Amino acid sequence: MKIYLASALVAFAISLLFCFVLIPVLRRLKAGQNILSYVKEHKSKGGTPTMGGLAFILAAVLSAAIFIRRAETPVVICIAIGLAYMLIGLLDDFLKRKHKENLGLKAWQKLLFQTLVAVFAGIFCFRAGLTELELPFLSRRLDIGVWVLPLSVFVFIATVNAVNLTDGLDGLAAGTSVPFFAVLGMLIALQGGFSSLSVLCFALTGALIAYLLFNVFPASVFMGDTGSLSLGGFAAAIAVLTGNALYIAVLGICFVFSVISVLIQVIYYKATGGKRVFLMAPVHHHFQEKGFSESRISYAYFTVTLVLGGLCVLTAL
């Protein structure tokens, strides 16, 4: 347990340092966020530095590299996937800054990349024999064999886009990710066999806590797609490779809710000729339109994730 705490603390310190250094650099480079015109509450946030995900992702990877005793293939694959998503998010953020509007990579380009990475992960799991799934709350495992391939594609695309959609309020995506990765790390430790990936989870937790000091309302930096795509990639990769893919639907219920709210809104809007279920989607904007503060919404998401995580850990003991 000491190594997990140490990795989190070191990641916290590195992330704190990186944030202090990175934010002034981003300001000088004028790497500010372009705010969507229809989110009127966020007009004052225009120009806030983005790409802050660089700080906590690199901090987590560095800390994990320090404390992982053996560079086992699964952890190398997970880190490679997380960094790959970070790079595609960085490119997306760069294009948004270059064009001075909230349009970076095209949707099909993002989807193509996500699918290629997911297929790679699925093939690796199948060839490495990592085809068993943990069944949440049942303490049972189910071998799905070749079905790990389509499952991987679905989990990666759903998770990466869910985290990306949740990154819409100060502290929301990062605050929800803290208990998510902390609990995922605990579950993996209890299950045994992937201690290096537990270290990575706790490193991500520590790095995110430091980043939150700069991202809670009013945020002085945003993670951008650089951070949200990478967080989704790490979450999907770690869960899929350890057989915990189904836990994403439980631990990441707030992420899932973001995607479902958008799907419901779009389908209902088209079916009814313009009517809406939510005042705005994703659903966190609906809560904001209802008058809830960003801090309260972020805290609620954190609390829900933490409570469900606690239940997951209790049933796994």
C-alpha atoms as a PDB file:
ATOM      1  CA  MET A   1       0.000   0.000   0.000  1.00  0.00           C
ATOM      2  CA  LYS A   2       2.921   2.344   0.656  1.00  0.00           C
ATOM      3  CA  ILE A   3       3.930   2.334  -2.989  1.00  0.00           C
ATOM      4  CA  TYR A   4       0.438   3.413  -4.045  1.00  0.00           C
ATOM      5  CA  LEU A   5       0.409   6.322  -1.612  1.00  0.00           C
ATOM      6  CA  ALA A   6       3.946   7.290  -2.588  1.00  0.00           C
ATOM      7  CA  SER A   7       3.082   7.316  -6.290  1.00  0.00           C
ATOM      8  CA  ALA A   8       0.074   9.541  -5.591  1.00  0.00           C
ATOM      9  CA  LEU A   9       2.080  11.979  -3.459  1.00  0.00           C
ATOM     10  CA  VAL A  10       4.943  12.245  -5.938  1.00  0.00           C
ATOM     11  CA  ALA A  11       2.477  12.706  -8.809  1.00  0.00           C
ATOM     12  CA  PHE A  12       0.760  15.443  -6.768  1.00  0.00           C
ATOM     13  CA  ALA A  13       4.067  17.284  -6.261  1.00  0.00           C
ATOM     14  CA  ILE A  14       5.118  16.982  -9.907  1.00  0.00           C
ATOM     15  CA  SER A  15       1.694  18.026 -11.179  1.00  0.00           C
ATOM     16  CA  LEU A  16       1.696  21.032  -8.841  1.00  0.00           C
ATOM     17  CA  LEU A  17       5.087  22.102 -10.176  1.00  0.00           C
ATOM     18  CA  PHE A  18       4.067  21.540 -13.800  1.00  0.00           C
ATOM     19  CA  CYS A  19       0.883  23.600 -13.325  1.00  0.00           C
ATOM     20  CA  PHE A  20       2.813  26.512 -11.811  1.00  0.00           C
ATOM     21  CA  VAL A  21       5.207  26.438 -14.776  1.00  0.00           C
ATOM     22  CA  LEU A  22       2.733  25.636 -17.559  1.00  0.00           C
ATOM     23  CA  ILE A  23      -0.066  28.129 -16.865  1.00  0.00           C
ATOM     24  CA  PRO A  24       2.076  31.296 -17.374  1.00  0.00           C
ATOM     25  CA  VAL A  25       3.542  29.727 -20.529  1.00  0.00           C
ATOM     26  CA  LEU A  26       0.056  29.033 -21.913  1.00  0.00           C
ATOM     27  CA  ARG A  27      -0.943  32.621 -21.152  1.00  0.00           C
ATOM     28  CA  ARG A  28       2.085  33.994 -22.988  1.00  0.00           C
ATOM     29  CA  LEU A  29       1.293  31.746 -25.956  1.00  0.00           C
ATOM     30  CA  LYS A  30      -2.312  32.993 -25.802  1.00  0.00           C
ATOM     31  CA  ALA A  31      -3.513  29.391 -25.718  1.00  0.00           C
ATOM     32  CA  GLY A  32      -6.934  30.433 -24.472  1.00  0.00           C
ATOM     33  CA  GLN A  33     -10.200  28.525 -24.631  1.00  0.00           C
ATOM     34  CA  ASN A  34     -12.793  29.545 -27.229  1.00  0.00           C
ATOM     35  CA  ILE A  35     -16.167  29.434 -25.483  1.00  0.00           C
ATOM     36  CA  LEU A  36     -19.249  28.062 -27.266  1.00  0.00           C
ATOM     37  CA  SER A  37     -21.639  30.921 -27.966  1.00  0.00           C
ATOM     38  CA  TYR A  38     -24.755  29.094 -26.720  1.00  0.00           C
ATOM     39  CA  VAL A  39     -23.329  28.591 -23.210  1.00  0.00           C
ATOM     40  CA  LYS A  40     -24.017  32.157 -22.089  1.00  0.00           C
ATOM     41  CA  GLU A  41     -22.913  31.515 -18.496  1.00  0.00           C
ATOM     42  CA  HIS A  42     -19.372  30.846 -19.704  1.00  0.00           C
ATOM     43  CA  LYS A  43     -18.759  34.031 -21.689  1.00  0.00           C
ATOM     44  CA  SER A  44     -16.467  35.392 -18.993  1.00  0.00           C
ATOM     45  CA  LYS A  45     -14.236  32.315 -19.314  1.00  0.00           C
ATOM     46  CA  GLY A  46     -13.076  33.170 -22.816  1.00  0.00           C
ATOM     47  CA  GLY A  47      -9.297  33.258 -23.030  1.00  0.00           C
ATOM     48  CA  THR A  48      -8.691  31.019 -19.988  1.00  0.00           C
ATOM     49  CA  PRO A  49      -5.595  28.905 -20.769  1.00  0.00           C
ATOM     50  CA  THR A  50      -6.358  25.412 -22.026  1.00  0.00           C
ATOM     51  CA  MET A  51      -4.207  22.304 -22.671  1.00  0.00           C
ATOM     52  CA  GLY A  52      -3.668  22.047 -18.904  1.00  0.00           C
ATOM     53  CA  GLY A  53      -4.007  18.290 -19.275  1.00  0.00           C
ATOM     54  CA  LEU A  54      -0.338  18.264 -20.218  1.00  0.00           C
ATOM     55  CA  ALA A  55       0.582  18.980 -16.587  1.00  0.00           C
ATOM     56  CA  PHE A  56      -1.281  16.199 -14.796  1.00  0.00           C
ATOM     57  CA  ILE A  57      -0.924  13.531 -17.504  1.00  0.00           C
ATOM     58  CA  LEU A  58       2.857  13.919 -17.768  1.00  0.00           C
ATOM     59  CA  ALA A  59       3.129  14.140 -13.965  1.00  0.00           C
ATOM     60  CA  ALA A  60       1.201  10.883 -13.542  1.00  0.00           C
ATOM     61  CA  VAL A  61       3.281   9.067 -16.150  1.00  0.00           C
ATOM     62  CA  LEU A  62       6.543  10.278 -14.585  1.00  0.00           C
ATOM     63  CA  SER A  63       5.457   9.220 -11.108  1.00  0.00           C
ATOM     64  CA  ALA A  64       4.307   5.819 -12.353  1.00  0.00           C
ATOM     65  CA  ALA A  65       7.635   5.339 -14.131  1.00  0.00           C
ATOM     66  CA  ILE A  66       9.444   6.023 -10.850  1.00  0.00           C
ATOM     67  CA  PHE A  67       7.466   3.532  -8.763  1.00  0.00           C
ATOM     68  CA  ILE A  68       6.653   0.727 -11.198  1.00  0.00           C
ATOM     69  CA  ARG A  69       9.182  -1.965 -10.415  1.00  0.00           C
ATOM     70  CA  ARG A  70       8.774  -3.956 -13.615  1.00  0.00           C
ATOM     71  CA  ALA A  71       7.801  -2.518 -16.993  1.00  0.00           C
ATOM     72  CA  GLU A  72       5.167  -5.180 -17.650  1.00  0.00           C
ATOM     73  CA  THR A  73       3.553  -5.164 -21.082  1.00  0.00           C
ATOM     74  CA  PRO A  74       0.017  -4.192 -19.885  1.00  0.00           C
ATOM     75  CA  VAL A  75       1.209  -1.025 -18.129  1.00  0.00           C
ATOM     76  CA  VAL A  76       3.387  -0.064 -21.104  1.00  0.00           C
ATOM     77  CA  ILE A  77       0.365  -0.531 -23.394  1.00  0.00           C
ATOM     78  CA  CYS A  78      -1.856   1.570 -21.102  1.00  0.00           C
ATOM     79  CA  ILE A  79       0.651   4.408 -20.872  1.00  0.00           C
ATOM     80  CA  ALA A  80       1.180   4.342 -24.641  1.00  0.00           C
ATOM     81  CA  ILE A  81      -2.585   4.529 -25.218  1.00  0.00           C
ATOM     82  CA  GLY A  82      -3.041   7.347 -22.703  1.00  0.00           C
ATOM     83  CA  LEU A  83      -0.214   9.385 -24.228  1.00  0.00           C
ATOM     84  CA  ALA A  84      -1.509   8.717 -27.742  1.00  0.00           C
ATOM     85  CA  TYR A  85      -4.878  10.154 -26.778  1.00  0.00           C
ATOM     86  CA  MET A  86      -3.125  13.085 -25.142  1.00  0.00           C
ATOM     87  CA  LEU A  87      -1.345  13.848 -28.412  1.00  0.00           C
ATOM     88  CA  ILE A  88      -4.530  13.699 -30.487  1.00  0.00           C
ATOM     89  CA  GLY A  89      -6.222  15.963 -27.925  1.00  0.00           C
ATOM     90  CA  LEU A  90      -3.257  18.330 -28.064  1.00  0.00           C
ATOM     91  CA  LEU A  91      -3.581  18.484 -31.854  1.00  0.00           C
ATOM     92  CA  ASP A  92      -7.286  19.190 -31.509  1.00  0.00           C
ATOM     93  CA  ASP A  93      -6.660  21.995 -29.002  1.00  0.00           C
ATOM     94  CA  PHE A  94      -3.904  23.433 -31.200  1.00  0.00           C
ATOM     95  CA  LEU A  95      -6.210  23.548 -34.239  1.00  0.00           C
ATOM     96  CA  LYS A  96      -8.920  25.264 -32.178  1.00  0.00           C
ATOM     97  CA  ARG A  97      -6.410  27.913 -31.118  1.00  0.00           C
ATOM     98  CA  LYS A  98      -5.090  28.307 -34.663  1.00  0.00           C
ATOM     99  CA  HIS A  99      -8.557  28.755 -36.170  1.00  0.00           C
ATOM    100  CA  LYS A 100      -9.672  30.878 -33.186  1.00  0.00           C
ATOM    101  CA  GLU A 101     -12.931  28.975 -32.853  1.00  0.00           C
ATOM    102  CA  ASN A 102     -14.167  25.890 -31.028  1.00  0.00           C
ATOM    103  CA  LEU A 103     -13.546  23.638 -34.038  1.00  0.00           C
ATOM    104  CA  GLY A 104     -10.495  21.391 -34.124  1.00  0.00           C
ATOM    105  CA  LEU A 105     -10.327  17.942 -35.618  1.00  0.00           C
ATOM    106  CA  LYS A 106     -13.392  16.731 -37.490  1.00  0.00           C
ATOM    107  CA  ALA A 107     -15.658  14.235 -35.736  1.00  0.00           C
ATOM    108  CA  TRP A 108     -14.782  11.438 -38.167  1.00  0.00           C
ATOM    109  CA  GLN A 109     -11.076  11.991 -37.593  1.00  0.00           C
ATOM    110  CA  LYS A 110     -11.487  11.610 -33.823  1.00  0.00           C
ATOM    111  CA  LEU A 111     -13.701   8.564 -34.249  1.00  0.00           C
ATOM    112  CA  LEU A 112     -11.233   6.913 -36.626  1.00  0.00           C
ATOM    113  CA  PHE A 113      -8.376   7.363 -34.163  1.00  0.00           C
ATOM    114  CA  GLN A 114     -10.455   6.098 -31.240  1.00  0.00           C
ATOM    115  CA  THR A 115     -11.512   3.021 -33.199  1.00  0.00           C
ATOM    116  CA  LEU A 116      -7.972   2.165 -34.307  1.00  0.00           C
ATOM    117  CA  VAL A 117      -6.675   2.360 -30.739  1.00  0.00           C
ATOM    118  CA  ALA A 118      -9.630   0.321 -29.444  1.00  0.00           C
ATOM    119  CA  VAL A 119      -9.052  -2.407 -32.028  1.00  0.00           C
ATOM    120  CA  PHE A 120      -5.366  -2.501 -31.087  1.00  0.00           C
ATOM    121  CA  ALA A 121      -6.265  -2.868 -27.395  1.00  0.00           C
ATOM    122  CA  GLY A 122      -8.811  -5.584 -28.155  1.00  0.00           C
ATOM    123  CA  ILE A 123      -6.354  -7.575 -30.242  1.00  0.00           C
ATOM    124  CA  PHE A 124      -3.723  -7.294 -27.509  1.00  0.00           C
ATOM    125  CA  CYS A 125      -6.182  -8.545 -24.865  1.00  0.00           C
ATOM    126  CA  PHE A 126      -7.264 -11.478 -27.027  1.00  0.00           C
ATOM    127  CA  ARG A 127      -3.740 -12.556 -27.924  1.00  0.00           C
ATOM    128  CA  ALA A 128      -2.535 -12.134 -24.334  1.00  0.00           C
ATOM    129  CA  GLY A 129      -5.449 -14.140 -22.969  1.00  0.00           C
ATOM    130  CA  LEU A 130      -6.899 -11.165 -21.080  1.00  0.00           C
ATOM    131  CA  THR A 131     -10.465 -12.100 -21.923  1.00  0.00           C
ATOM    132  CA  GLU A 132     -12.039 -12.464 -18.478  1.00  0.00           C
ATOM    133  CA  LEU A 133     -14.475  -9.863 -17.155  1.00  0.00           C
ATOM    134  CA  GLU A 134     -15.089  -9.007 -13.514  1.00  0.00           C
ATOM    135  CA  LEU A 135     -18.823  -8.908 -12.795  1.00  0.00           C
ATOM    136  CA  PRO A 136     -19.490  -5.925 -10.498  1.00  0.00           C
ATOM    137  CA  PHE A 137     -20.879  -6.755  -7.041  1.00  0.00           C
ATOM    138  CA  LEU A 138     -20.835 -10.526  -7.756  1.00  0.00           C
ATOM    139  CA  SER A 139     -17.137 -11.355  -7.199  1.00  0.00           C
ATOM    140  CA  ARG A 140     -17.259 -13.553 -10.289  1.00  0.00           C
ATOM    141  CA  ARG A 141     -15.355 -13.572 -13.573  1.00  0.00           C
ATOM    142  CA  LEU A 142     -16.691 -14.392 -17.016  1.00  0.00           C
ATOM    143  CA  ASP A 143     -14.491 -15.421 -19.943  1.00  0.00           C
ATOM    144  CA  ILE A 144     -15.815 -13.736 -23.092  1.00  0.00           C
ATOM    145  CA  GLY A 145     -13.104 -14.948 -25.473  1.00  0.00           C
ATOM    146  CA  VAL A 146     -13.110 -13.251 -28.862  1.00  0.00           C
ATOM    147  CA  TRP A 147     -15.956 -10.980 -27.766  1.00  0.00           C
ATOM    148  CA  VAL A 148     -13.302  -8.879 -26.056  1.00  0.00           C
ATOM    149  CA  LEU A 149     -12.691  -7.293 -29.478  1.00  0.00           C
ATOM    150  CA  PRO A 150     -16.120  -5.640 -29.977  1.00  0.00           C
ATOM    151  CA  LEU A 151     -16.330  -4.902 -26.253  1.00  0.00           C
ATOM    152  CA  SER A 152     -13.015  -3.030 -26.393  1.00  0.00           C
ATOM    153  CA  VAL A 153     -14.187  -0.912 -29.322  1.00  0.00           C
ATOM    154  CA  PHE A 154     -17.411  -0.012 -27.545  1.00  0.00           C
ATOM    155  CA  VAL A 155     -15.752   0.718 -24.180  1.00  0.00           C
ATOM    156  CA  PHE A 156     -13.031   2.930 -25.658  1.00  0.00           C
ATOM    157  CA  ILE A 157     -15.321   4.999 -27.862  1.00  0.00           C
ATOM    158  CA  ALA A 158     -17.967   5.357 -25.141  1.00  0.00           C
ATOM    159  CA  THR A 159     -15.536   6.185 -22.324  1.00  0.00           C
ATOM    160  CA  VAL A 160     -13.338   8.645 -24.195  1.00  0.00           C
ATOM    161  CA  ASN A 161     -16.323  10.597 -25.502  1.00  0.00           C
ATOM    162  CA  ALA A 162     -18.105  10.434 -22.136  1.00  0.00           C
ATOM    163  CA  VAL A 163     -15.169  12.015 -20.291  1.00  0.00           C
ATOM    164  CA  ASN A 164     -14.801  14.573 -23.076  1.00  0.00           C
ATOM    165  CA  LEU A 165     -18.483  15.557 -22.808  1.00  0.00           C
ATOM    166  CA  THR A 166     -18.274  15.781 -19.010  1.00  0.00           C
ATOM    167  CA  ASP A 167     -15.455  18.321 -19.251  1.00  0.00           C
ATOM    168  CA  GLY A 168     -17.838  21.273 -19.376  1.00  0.00           C
ATOM    169  CA  LEU A 169     -17.689  22.917 -15.947  1.00  0.00           C
ATOM    170  CA  ASP A 170     -14.854  23.992 -13.671  1.00  0.00           C
ATOM    171  CA  GLY A 171     -13.562  20.980 -11.773  1.00  0.00           C
ATOM    172  CA  LEU A 172     -16.195  18.611 -13.165  1.00  0.00           C
ATOM    173  CA  ALA A 173     -14.230  16.077 -15.233  1.00  0.00           C
ATOM    174  CA  ALA A 174     -11.157  16.210 -13.002  1.00  0.00           C
ATOM    175  CA  GLY A 175     -13.186  16.048  -9.789  1.00  0.00           C
ATOM    176  CA  THR A 176     -15.151  13.050 -11.039  1.00  0.00           C
ATOM    177  CA  SER A 177     -11.980  11.335 -12.235  1.00  0.00           C
ATOM    178  CA  VAL A 178     -10.285  11.520  -8.813  1.00  0.00           C
ATOM    179  CA  PRO A 179     -12.554   8.965  -7.070  1.00  0.00           C
ATOM    180  CA  PHE A 180     -12.877   7.017 -10.326  1.00  0.00           C
ATOM    181  CA  PHE A 181      -9.147   6.291 -10.605  1.00  0.00           C
ATOM    182  CA  ALA A 182      -8.660   5.924  -6.840  1.00  0.00           C
ATOM    183  CA  VAL A 183     -11.360   3.251  -6.615  1.00  0.00           C
ATOM    184  CA  LEU A 184     -10.241   1.546  -9.821  1.00  0.00           C
ATOM    185  CA  GLY A 185      -6.737   1.338  -8.357  1.00  0.00           C
ATOM    186  CA  MET A 186      -8.111  -0.191  -5.139  1.00  0.00           C
ATOM    187  CA  LEU A 187     -10.159  -2.751  -7.042  1.00  0.00           C
ATOM    188  CA  ILE A 188      -7.180  -3.825  -9.131  1.00  0.00           C
ATOM    189  CA  ALA A 189      -5.041  -4.105  -5.980  1.00  0.00           C
ATOM    190  CA  LEU A 190      -7.677  -6.277  -4.290  1.00  0.00           C
ATOM    191  CA  GLN A 191      -8.004  -8.488  -7.359  1.00  0.00           C
ATOM    192  CA  GLY A 192      -4.226  -8.953  -7.605  1.00  0.00           C
ATOM    193  CA  GLY A 193      -2.101  -9.528 -10.683  1.00  0.00           C
ATOM    194  CA  PHE A 194      -1.818  -5.974 -12.025  1.00  0.00           C
ATOM    195  CA  SER A 195      -0.025  -4.046  -9.276  1.00  0.00           C
ATOM    196  CA  SER A 196       1.721  -1.789 -11.811  1.00  0.00           C
ATOM    197  CA  LEU A 197      -1.642  -0.616 -13.116  1.00  0.00           C
ATOM    198  CA  SER A 198      -2.753   0.141  -9.559  1.00  0.00           C
ATOM    199  CA  VAL A 199       0.324   2.358  -9.256  1.00  0.00           C
ATOM    200  CA  LEU A 200      -0.678   4.130 -12.460  1.00  0.00           C
ATOM    201  CA  CYS A 201      -4.228   4.676 -11.164  1.00  0.00           C
ATOM    202  CA  PHE A 202      -2.998   6.234  -7.925  1.00  0.00           C
ATOM    203  CA  ALA A 203      -0.482   8.370  -9.815  1.00  0.00           C
ATOM    204  CA  LEU A 204      -3.335   9.727 -11.935  1.00  0.00           C
ATOM    205  CA  THR A 205      -5.342  10.379  -8.759  1.00  0.00           C
ATOM    206  CA  GLY A 206      -2.554  12.372  -7.116  1.00  0.00           C
ATOM    207  CA  ALA A 207      -1.817  14.357 -10.264  1.00  0.00           C
ATOM    208  CA  LEU A 208      -5.495  15.250 -10.706  1.00  0.00           C
ATOM    209  CA  ILE A 209      -5.841  16.450  -7.102  1.00  0.00           C
ATOM    210  CA  ALA A 210      -2.997  18.925  -7.666  1.00  0.00           C
ATOM    211  CA  TYR A 211      -4.533  20.065 -10.956  1.00  0.00           C
ATOM    212  CA  LEU A 212      -7.865  20.692  -9.224  1.00  0.00           C
ATOM    213  CA  LEU A 213      -6.220  23.442  -7.154  1.00  0.00           C
ATOM    214  CA  PHE A 214      -6.079  25.402 -10.430  1.00  0.00           C
ATOM    215  CA  ASN A 215      -9.260  24.067 -12.034  1.00  0.00           C
ATOM    216  CA  VAL A 216     -11.971  24.493  -9.406  1.00  0.00           C
ATOM    217  CA  PHE A 217     -14.278  27.479  -9.841  1.00  0.00           C
ATOM    218  CA  PRO A 218     -13.149  29.966 -10.987  1.00  0.00           C
ATOM    219  CA  ALA A 219     -10.695  27.933 -13.061  1.00  0.00           C
ATOM    220  CA  SER A 220      -7.346  29.439 -13.986  1.00  0.00           C
ATOM    221  CA  VAL A 221      -6.706  26.653 -16.512  1.00  0.00           C
ATOM    222  CA  PHE A 222      -8.742  24.077 -18.454  1.00  0.00           C
ATOM    223  CA  MET A 223      -7.560  20.555 -19.286  1.00  0.00           C
ATOM    224  CA  GLY A 224      -8.800  20.815 -22.878  1.00  0.00           C
ATOM    225  CA  ASP A 225      -9.146  17.787 -25.134  1.00  0.00           C
ATOM    226  CA  THR A 226      -5.480  17.223 -24.282  1.00  0.00           C
ATOM    227  CA  GLY A 227      -6.586  16.134 -20.820  1.00  0.00           C
ATOM    228  CA  SER A 228     -10.103  14.787 -21.324  1.00  0.00           C
ATOM    229  CA  LEU A 229      -9.266  12.473 -24.239  1.00  0.00           C
ATOM    230  CA  SER A 230      -6.222  11.194 -22.383  1.00  0.00           C
ATOM    231  CA  LEU A 231      -8.184  10.572 -19.163  1.00  0.00           C
ATOM    232  CA  GLY A 232     -10.796   8.647 -21.130  1.00  0.00           C
ATOM    233  CA  GLY A 233      -8.060   6.667 -22.860  1.00  0.00           C
ATOM    234  CA  PHE A 234      -6.362   5.774 -19.570  1.00  0.00           C
ATOM    235  CA  ALA A 235      -9.687   4.814 -17.974  1.00  0.00           C
ATOM    236  CA  ALA A 236     -10.707   2.561 -20.863  1.00  0.00           C
ATOM    237  CA  ALA A 237      -7.266   0.992 -21.288  1.00  0.00           C
ATOM    238  CA  ILE A 238      -6.760   0.183 -17.606  1.00  0.00           C
ATOM    239  CA  ALA A 239     -10.306  -1.159 -17.213  1.00  0.00           C
ATOM    240  CA  VAL A 240     -10.233  -3.282 -20.369  1.00  0.00           C
ATOM    241  CA  LEU A 241      -6.785  -4.792 -19.777  1.00  0.00           C
ATOM    242  CA  THR A 242      -7.572  -5.707 -16.162  1.00  0.00           C
ATOM    243  CA  GLY A 243     -10.995  -7.154 -16.953  1.00  0.00           C
ATOM    244  CA  ASN A 244     -12.831  -4.315 -15.215  1.00  0.00           C
ATOM    245  CA  ALA A 245     -14.565  -2.860 -18.255  1.00  0.00           C
ATOM    246  CA  LEU A 246     -18.035  -3.343 -16.744  1.00  0.00           C
ATOM    247  CA  TYR A 247     -17.045  -1.295 -13.702  1.00  0.00           C
ATOM    248  CA  ILE A 248     -16.872   1.795 -15.913  1.00  0.00           C
ATOM    249  CA  ALA A 249     -20.682   1.774 -16.080  1.00  0.00           C
ATOM    250  CA  VAL A 250     -20.768   1.870 -12.262  1.00  0.00           C
ATOM    251  CA  LEU A 251     -17.782   4.009 -11.266  1.00  0.00           C
ATOM    252  CA  GLY A 252     -18.232   6.227 -14.307  1.00  0.00           C
ATOM    253  CA  ILE A 253     -22.002   6.601 -14.009  1.00  0.00           C
ATOM    254  CA  CYS A 254     -21.655  10.400 -14.147  1.00  0.00           C
ATOM    255  CA  PHE A 255     -19.652  10.101 -17.361  1.00  0.00           C
ATOM    256  CA  VAL A 256     -22.264   7.711 -18.744  1.00  0.00           C
ATOM    257  CA  PHE A 257     -25.035  10.117 -17.789  1.00  0.00           C
ATOM    258  CA  SER A 258     -23.374  12.835 -19.885  1.00  0.00           C
ATOM    259  CA  VAL A 259     -23.482  10.674 -23.017  1.00  0.00           C
ATOM    260  CA  ILE A 260     -27.010   9.392 -22.399  1.00  0.00           C
ATOM    261  CA  SER A 261     -28.342  12.919 -21.838  1.00  0.00           C
ATOM    262  CA  VAL A 262     -26.921  14.045 -25.183  1.00  0.00           C
ATOM    263  CA  LEU A 263     -28.373  11.013 -26.989  1.00  0.00           C
ATOM    264  CA  ILE A 264     -31.794  11.528 -25.391  1.00  0.00           C
ATOM    265  CA  GLN A 265     -31.746  15.226 -26.254  1.00  0.00           C
ATOM    266  CA  VAL A 266     -30.806  14.672 -29.903  1.00  0.00           C
ATOM    267  CA  ILE A 267     -33.256  11.799 -30.475  1.00  0.00           C
ATOM    268  CA  TYR A 268     -36.161  13.590 -28.776  1.00  0.00           C
ATOM    269  CA  TYR A 269     -35.389  16.865 -30.551  1.00  0.00           C
ATOM    270  CA  LYS A 270     -35.516  15.188 -33.972  1.00  0.00           C
ATOM    271  CA  ALA A 271     -38.542  13.041 -33.156  1.00  0.00           C
ATOM    272  CA  THR A 272     -40.650  15.936 -31.853  1.00  0.00           C
ATOM    273  CA  GLY A 273     -39.565  18.623 -34.297  1.00  0.00           C
ATOM    274  CA  GLY A 274     -37.611  20.773 -31.892  1.00  0.00           C
ATOM    275  CA  LYS A 275     -38.758  19.930 -28.365  1.00  0.00           C
ATOM    276  CA  ARG A 276     -36.202  19.226 -25.633  1.00  0.00           C
ATOM    277  CA  VAL A 277     -36.029  16.968 -22.587  1.00  0.00           C
ATOM    278  CA  PHE A 278     -33.238  18.985 -20.950  1.00  0.00           C
ATOM    279  CA  LEU A 279     -32.798  22.751 -20.975  1.00  0.00           C
ATOM    280  CA  MET A 280     -29.331  22.046 -22.368  1.00  0.00           C
ATOM    281  CA  ALA A 281     -27.201  18.953 -22.897  1.00  0.00           C
ATOM    282  CA  PRO A 282     -24.973  17.445 -21.589  1.00  0.00           C
ATOM    283  CA  VAL A 283     -27.025  17.284 -18.418  1.00  0.00           C
ATOM    284  CA  HIS A 284     -24.579  19.303 -16.273  1.00  0.00           C
ATOM    285  CA  HIS A 285     -25.566  22.358 -18.347  1.00  0.00           C
ATOM    286  CA  HIS A 286     -29.219  21.539 -17.594  1.00  0.00           C
ATOM    287  CA  PHE A 287     -28.444  21.683 -13.867  1.00  0.00           C
ATOM    288  CA  GLN A 288     -26.598  24.960 -14.436  1.00  0.00           C
ATOM    289  CA  GLU A 289     -29.629  26.417 -16.256  1.00  0.00           C
ATOM    290  CA  LYS A 290     -31.714  25.349 -13.254  1.00  0.00           C
ATOM    291  CA  GLY A 291     -29.595  27.633 -11.100  1.00  0.00           C
ATOM    292  CA  PHE A 292     -27.120  25.237  -9.504  1.00  0.00           C
ATOM    293  CA  SER A 293     -23.577  26.588  -9.205  1.00  0.00           C
ATOM    294  CA  GLU A 294     -20.668  24.948 -10.993  1.00  0.00           C
ATOM    295  CA  SER A 295     -19.072  24.080  -7.660  1.00  0.00           C
ATOM    296  CA  ARG A 296     -22.219  22.359  -6.386  1.00  0.00           C
ATOM    297  CA  ILE A 297     -22.633  20.324  -9.579  1.00  0.00           C
ATOM    298  CA  SER A 298     -18.986  19.269  -9.532  1.00  0.00           C
ATOM    299  CA  TYR A 299     -19.234  18.303  -5.864  1.00  0.00           C
ATOM    300  CA  ALA A 300     -22.378  16.259  -6.567  1.00  0.00           C
ATOM    301  CA  TYR A 301     -20.639  14.354  -9.370  1.00  0.00           C
ATOM    302  CA  PHE A 302     -17.649  13.721  -7.090  1.00  0.00           C
ATOM    303  CA  THR A 303     -19.905  12.484  -4.284  1.00  0.00           C
ATOM    304  CA  VAL A 304     -21.941  10.130  -6.473  1.00  0.00           C
ATOM    305  CA  THR A 305     -18.756   8.617  -7.918  1.00  0.00           C
ATOM    306  CA  LEU A 306     -17.211   8.252  -4.456  1.00  0.00           C
ATOM    307  CA  VAL A 307     -20.292   6.566  -2.950  1.00  0.00           C
ATOM    308  CA  LEU A 308     -20.640   4.092  -5.811  1.00  0.00           C
ATOM    309  CA  GLY A 309     -16.893   3.471  -5.628  1.00  0.00           C
ATOM    310  CA  GLY A 310     -17.207   2.701  -1.926  1.00  0.00           C
ATOM    311  CA  LEU A 311     -19.897   0.126  -2.670  1.00  0.00           C
ATOM    312  CA  CYS A 312     -17.707  -1.462  -5.329  1.00  0.00           C
ATOM    313  CA  VAL A 313     -14.785  -1.777  -2.921  1.00  0.00           C
ATOM    314  CA  LEU A 314     -16.961  -3.165  -0.100  1.00  0.00           C
ATOM    315  CA  THR A 315     -18.349  -5.921  -2.322  1.00  0.00           C
ATOM    316  CA  ALA A 316     -14.860  -6.751  -3.570  1.00  0.00           C
ATOM    317  CA  LEU A 317     -13.392  -7.271  -0.069  1.00  0.00           C
END
